[in-house]
Amino acid sequence: MPKVVSAVPALRSCSQHSAIQTPGECTLLDIIGGRVFVDQLVTEFYQAIGKYLSSEDTSEHGKQTTRQAQFISHALAEQAEPVHSARASFLARGLNPALFEGLMEYFEARLLELGFSPSFGGQLVRTVTDLYDRSETPLSIAC
């Protein structure tokens, strides 16, 4: 049975986060509950789909789970450029596009279940997928 992600951390205000932030500095990642929430959500997604995949497909789950959680957290952390795009390009390499798309659909639906507005959930998914689309660079094979 998949572990259920609690809505409590997702509904915290930015003032309840670490003292590193200055007043008024609140990222999308902070609003939804931080990296812990993203890690739990991605793990929950892979537990839910794992029972429908072959053993070959599930062998990649650990790597995809970690990489996708890192990418989503990075995308929502709103770092300054050029570090933001450079790190995103690094993290996007090796992500399975079909699994990533499925995760984004799950992510948006889960945010709605937790009480976030449809427009906010859509904004989060657009933020992450736009960065993913900009980061997707075809890898060349040297001859």
C-alpha atoms as a PDB file:
ATOM      1  CA  MET A   1       0.000   0.000   0.000  1.00  0.00           C
ATOM      2  CA  PRO A   2       1.481   3.391  -0.973  1.00  0.00           C
ATOM      3  CA  LYS A   3       2.444   5.752   1.802  1.00  0.00           C
ATOM      4  CA  VAL A   4       0.045   8.679   1.967  1.00  0.00           C
ATOM      5  CA  VAL A   5       1.599  12.131   1.877  1.00  0.00           C
ATOM      6  CA  SER A   6       0.200  14.308   4.625  1.00  0.00           C
ATOM      7  CA  ALA A   7      -1.401  17.602   3.651  1.00  0.00           C
ATOM      8  CA  VAL A   8      -0.072  19.253   6.803  1.00  0.00           C
ATOM      9  CA  PRO A   9       3.438  20.099   5.546  1.00  0.00           C
ATOM     10  CA  ALA A  10       2.031  21.303   2.245  1.00  0.00           C
ATOM     11  CA  LEU A  11      -0.140  23.888   3.927  1.00  0.00           C
ATOM     12  CA  ARG A  12       2.564  25.562   6.026  1.00  0.00           C
ATOM     13  CA  SER A  13       3.227  29.217   5.477  1.00  0.00           C
ATOM     14  CA  CYS A  14       6.652  30.487   4.504  1.00  0.00           C
ATOM     15  CA  SER A  15       7.129  32.002   7.950  1.00  0.00           C
ATOM     16  CA  GLN A  16       7.338  28.469   9.355  1.00  0.00           C
ATOM     17  CA  HIS A  17      10.396  27.592   7.285  1.00  0.00           C
ATOM     18  CA  SER A  18      14.054  27.963   8.167  1.00  0.00           C
ATOM     19  CA  ALA A  19      15.589  31.243   9.259  1.00  0.00           C
ATOM     20  CA  ILE A  20      17.785  31.274   6.126  1.00  0.00           C
ATOM     21  CA  GLN A  21      15.005  33.041   4.223  1.00  0.00           C
ATOM     22  CA  THR A  22      14.450  36.738   4.527  1.00  0.00           C
ATOM     23  CA  PRO A  23      10.905  38.032   5.064  1.00  0.00           C
ATOM     24  CA  GLY A  24       8.927  38.029   1.827  1.00  0.00           C
ATOM     25  CA  GLU A  25      11.260  35.482   0.215  1.00  0.00           C
ATOM     26  CA  CYS A  26       9.085  32.435  -0.335  1.00  0.00           C
ATOM     27  CA  THR A  27       9.580  29.974  -3.179  1.00  0.00           C
ATOM     28  CA  LEU A  28       7.020  27.659  -4.718  1.00  0.00           C
ATOM     29  CA  LEU A  29       8.922  24.794  -3.109  1.00  0.00           C
ATOM     30  CA  ASP A  30       8.430  26.370   0.323  1.00  0.00           C
ATOM     31  CA  ILE A  31       4.709  26.822  -0.231  1.00  0.00           C
ATOM     32  CA  ILE A  32       4.097  23.126  -0.926  1.00  0.00           C
ATOM     33  CA  GLY A  33       6.175  21.880   1.993  1.00  0.00           C
ATOM     34  CA  GLY A  34       9.749  21.697   0.735  1.00  0.00           C
ATOM     35  CA  ARG A  35      11.960  18.872  -0.469  1.00  0.00           C
ATOM     36  CA  VAL A  36      10.496  16.409   2.017  1.00  0.00           C
ATOM     37  CA  PHE A  37       7.061  16.812   0.458  1.00  0.00           C
ATOM     38  CA  VAL A  38       8.444  16.420  -3.090  1.00  0.00           C
ATOM     39  CA  ASP A  39      10.458  13.325  -2.118  1.00  0.00           C
ATOM     40  CA  GLN A  40       7.373  11.731  -0.524  1.00  0.00           C
ATOM     41  CA  LEU A  41       5.186  12.569  -3.513  1.00  0.00           C
ATOM     42  CA  VAL A  42       7.629  11.109  -6.057  1.00  0.00           C
ATOM     43  CA  THR A  43       8.074   7.963  -3.933  1.00  0.00           C
ATOM     44  CA  GLU A  44       4.289   7.609  -3.656  1.00  0.00           C
ATOM     45  CA  PHE A  45       3.972   7.886  -7.465  1.00  0.00           C
ATOM     46  CA  TYR A  46       6.523   5.134  -8.077  1.00  0.00           C
ATOM     47  CA  GLN A  47       4.939   2.871  -5.472  1.00  0.00           C
ATOM     48  CA  ALA A  48       1.564   3.351  -7.165  1.00  0.00           C
ATOM     49  CA  ILE A  49       2.790   2.524 -10.685  1.00  0.00           C
ATOM     50  CA  GLY A  50       5.320  -0.118  -9.604  1.00  0.00           C
ATOM     51  CA  LYS A  51       2.748  -2.846  -9.322  1.00  0.00           C
ATOM     52  CA  TYR A  52       1.876  -2.446 -13.024  1.00  0.00           C
ATOM     53  CA  LEU A  53       5.409  -2.552 -14.441  1.00  0.00           C
ATOM     54  CA  SER A  54       7.634  -5.419 -15.468  1.00  0.00           C
ATOM     55  CA  SER A  55      10.773  -6.224 -13.470  1.00  0.00           C
ATOM     56  CA  GLU A  56      12.917  -4.618 -16.190  1.00  0.00           C
ATOM     57  CA  ASP A  57      10.989  -1.370 -15.866  1.00  0.00           C
ATOM     58  CA  THR A  58      11.147  -1.324 -12.070  1.00  0.00           C
ATOM     59  CA  SER A  59      14.946  -1.661 -12.063  1.00  0.00           C
ATOM     60  CA  GLU A  60      15.184   2.013 -13.092  1.00  0.00           C
ATOM     61  CA  HIS A  61      12.807   3.222 -10.382  1.00  0.00           C
ATOM     62  CA  GLY A  62      15.427   4.087  -7.774  1.00  0.00           C
ATOM     63  CA  LYS A  63      17.423   6.258 -10.137  1.00  0.00           C
ATOM     64  CA  GLN A  64      14.330   7.884 -11.660  1.00  0.00           C
ATOM     65  CA  THR A  65      12.796   8.531  -8.227  1.00  0.00           C
ATOM     66  CA  THR A  66      15.881  10.336  -6.972  1.00  0.00           C
ATOM     67  CA  ARG A  67      16.539  12.247 -10.179  1.00  0.00           C
ATOM     68  CA  GLN A  68      12.943  13.382 -10.651  1.00  0.00           C
ATOM     69  CA  ALA A  69      12.596  14.505  -7.026  1.00  0.00           C
ATOM     70  CA  GLN A  70      15.826  16.499  -7.379  1.00  0.00           C
ATOM     71  CA  PHE A  71      14.637  18.078 -10.639  1.00  0.00           C
ATOM     72  CA  ILE A  72      11.227  19.094  -9.275  1.00  0.00           C
ATOM     73  CA  SER A  73      12.755  20.507  -6.085  1.00  0.00           C
ATOM     74  CA  HIS A  74      15.300  22.420  -8.136  1.00  0.00           C
ATOM     75  CA  ALA A  75      12.670  23.794 -10.522  1.00  0.00           C
ATOM     76  CA  LEU A  76      10.493  25.062  -7.673  1.00  0.00           C
ATOM     77  CA  ALA A  77      13.383  26.468  -5.597  1.00  0.00           C
ATOM     78  CA  GLU A  78      13.694  29.427  -7.986  1.00  0.00           C
ATOM     79  CA  GLN A  79      17.459  29.882  -7.982  1.00  0.00           C
ATOM     80  CA  ALA A  80      19.170  32.691  -9.851  1.00  0.00           C
ATOM     81  CA  GLU A  81      20.418  32.269 -13.415  1.00  0.00           C
ATOM     82  CA  PRO A  82      22.659  30.856 -14.874  1.00  0.00           C
ATOM     83  CA  VAL A  83      22.957  28.280 -12.065  1.00  0.00           C
ATOM     84  CA  HIS A  84      19.234  27.484 -12.339  1.00  0.00           C
ATOM     85  CA  SER A  85      19.356  26.441 -16.020  1.00  0.00           C
ATOM     86  CA  ALA A  86      22.743  24.737 -15.812  1.00  0.00           C
ATOM     87  CA  ARG A  87      21.719  22.556 -12.868  1.00  0.00           C
ATOM     88  CA  ALA A  88      18.363  21.796 -14.518  1.00  0.00           C
ATOM     89  CA  SER A  89      20.117  20.610 -17.688  1.00  0.00           C
ATOM     90  CA  PHE A  90      22.315  18.315 -15.623  1.00  0.00           C
ATOM     91  CA  LEU A  91      19.370  16.879 -13.673  1.00  0.00           C
ATOM     92  CA  ALA A  92      17.184  16.474 -16.788  1.00  0.00           C
ATOM     93  CA  ARG A  93      19.677  14.112 -18.404  1.00  0.00           C
ATOM     94  CA  GLY A  94      18.581  10.560 -17.934  1.00  0.00           C
ATOM     95  CA  LEU A  95      14.985  11.347 -16.967  1.00  0.00           C
ATOM     96  CA  ASN A  96      12.478   9.066 -18.626  1.00  0.00           C
ATOM     97  CA  PRO A  97      10.139  11.474 -20.517  1.00  0.00           C
ATOM     98  CA  ALA A  98       7.072   9.205 -20.290  1.00  0.00           C
ATOM     99  CA  LEU A  99       7.502   8.658 -16.551  1.00  0.00           C
ATOM    100  CA  PHE A 100       8.161  12.363 -16.043  1.00  0.00           C
ATOM    101  CA  GLU A 101       4.948  13.265 -17.868  1.00  0.00           C
ATOM    102  CA  GLY A 102       3.002  10.745 -15.782  1.00  0.00           C
ATOM    103  CA  LEU A 103       4.546  12.129 -12.611  1.00  0.00           C
ATOM    104  CA  MET A 104       3.510  15.671 -13.541  1.00  0.00           C
ATOM    105  CA  GLU A 105      -0.102  14.539 -14.042  1.00  0.00           C
ATOM    106  CA  TYR A 106       0.005  12.763 -10.679  1.00  0.00           C
ATOM    107  CA  PHE A 107       1.636  15.789  -9.034  1.00  0.00           C
ATOM    108  CA  GLU A 108      -1.087  18.157 -10.228  1.00  0.00           C
ATOM    109  CA  ALA A 109      -3.899  15.812  -9.183  1.00  0.00           C
ATOM    110  CA  ARG A 110      -2.305  15.259  -5.766  1.00  0.00           C
ATOM    111  CA  LEU A 111      -2.023  19.014  -5.172  1.00  0.00           C
ATOM    112  CA  LEU A 112      -5.757  19.343  -5.898  1.00  0.00           C
ATOM    113  CA  GLU A 113      -6.496  16.536  -3.409  1.00  0.00           C
ATOM    114  CA  LEU A 114      -4.479  18.416  -0.796  1.00  0.00           C
ATOM    115  CA  GLY A 115      -6.569  21.550  -1.223  1.00  0.00           C
ATOM    116  CA  PHE A 116      -4.431  23.682  -3.518  1.00  0.00           C
ATOM    117  CA  SER A 117      -6.316  25.606  -6.196  1.00  0.00           C
ATOM    118  CA  PRO A 118      -6.357  24.266  -9.770  1.00  0.00           C
ATOM    119  CA  SER A 119      -4.605  27.422 -10.979  1.00  0.00           C
ATOM    120  CA  PHE A 120      -1.806  27.044  -8.414  1.00  0.00           C
ATOM    121  CA  GLY A 121      -1.347  23.342  -9.253  1.00  0.00           C
ATOM    122  CA  GLY A 122      -1.261  24.206 -12.940  1.00  0.00           C
ATOM    123  CA  GLN A 123       1.305  26.944 -12.296  1.00  0.00           C
ATOM    124  CA  LEU A 124       3.580  24.504 -10.456  1.00  0.00           C
ATOM    125  CA  VAL A 125       3.360  21.903 -13.205  1.00  0.00           C
ATOM    126  CA  ARG A 126       3.996  24.535 -15.904  1.00  0.00           C
ATOM    127  CA  THR A 127       7.018  25.835 -13.994  1.00  0.00           C
ATOM    128  CA  VAL A 128       8.532  22.365 -13.784  1.00  0.00           C
ATOM    129  CA  THR A 129       7.642  21.219 -17.317  1.00  0.00           C
ATOM    130  CA  ASP A 130       8.783  24.489 -18.912  1.00  0.00           C
ATOM    131  CA  LEU A 131      12.176  24.121 -17.251  1.00  0.00           C
ATOM    132  CA  TYR A 132      12.309  20.473 -18.305  1.00  0.00           C
ATOM    133  CA  ASP A 133      11.463  21.389 -21.915  1.00  0.00           C
ATOM    134  CA  ARG A 134      14.191  24.063 -21.954  1.00  0.00           C
ATOM    135  CA  SER A 135      16.678  21.612 -20.401  1.00  0.00           C
ATOM    136  CA  GLU A 136      16.094  18.769 -22.783  1.00  0.00           C
ATOM    137  CA  THR A 137      19.107  18.826 -25.016  1.00  0.00           C
ATOM    138  CA  PRO A 138      19.645  15.877 -27.267  1.00  0.00           C
ATOM    139  CA  LEU A 139      22.892  14.158 -26.385  1.00  0.00           C
ATOM    140  CA  SER A 140      25.290  13.765 -29.324  1.00  0.00           C
ATOM    141  CA  ILE A 141      27.304  10.662 -29.846  1.00  0.00           C
ATOM    142  CA  ALA A 142      30.889  11.364 -30.833  1.00  0.00           C
ATOM    143  CA  CYS A 143      32.010   9.420 -33.892  1.00  0.00           C
END
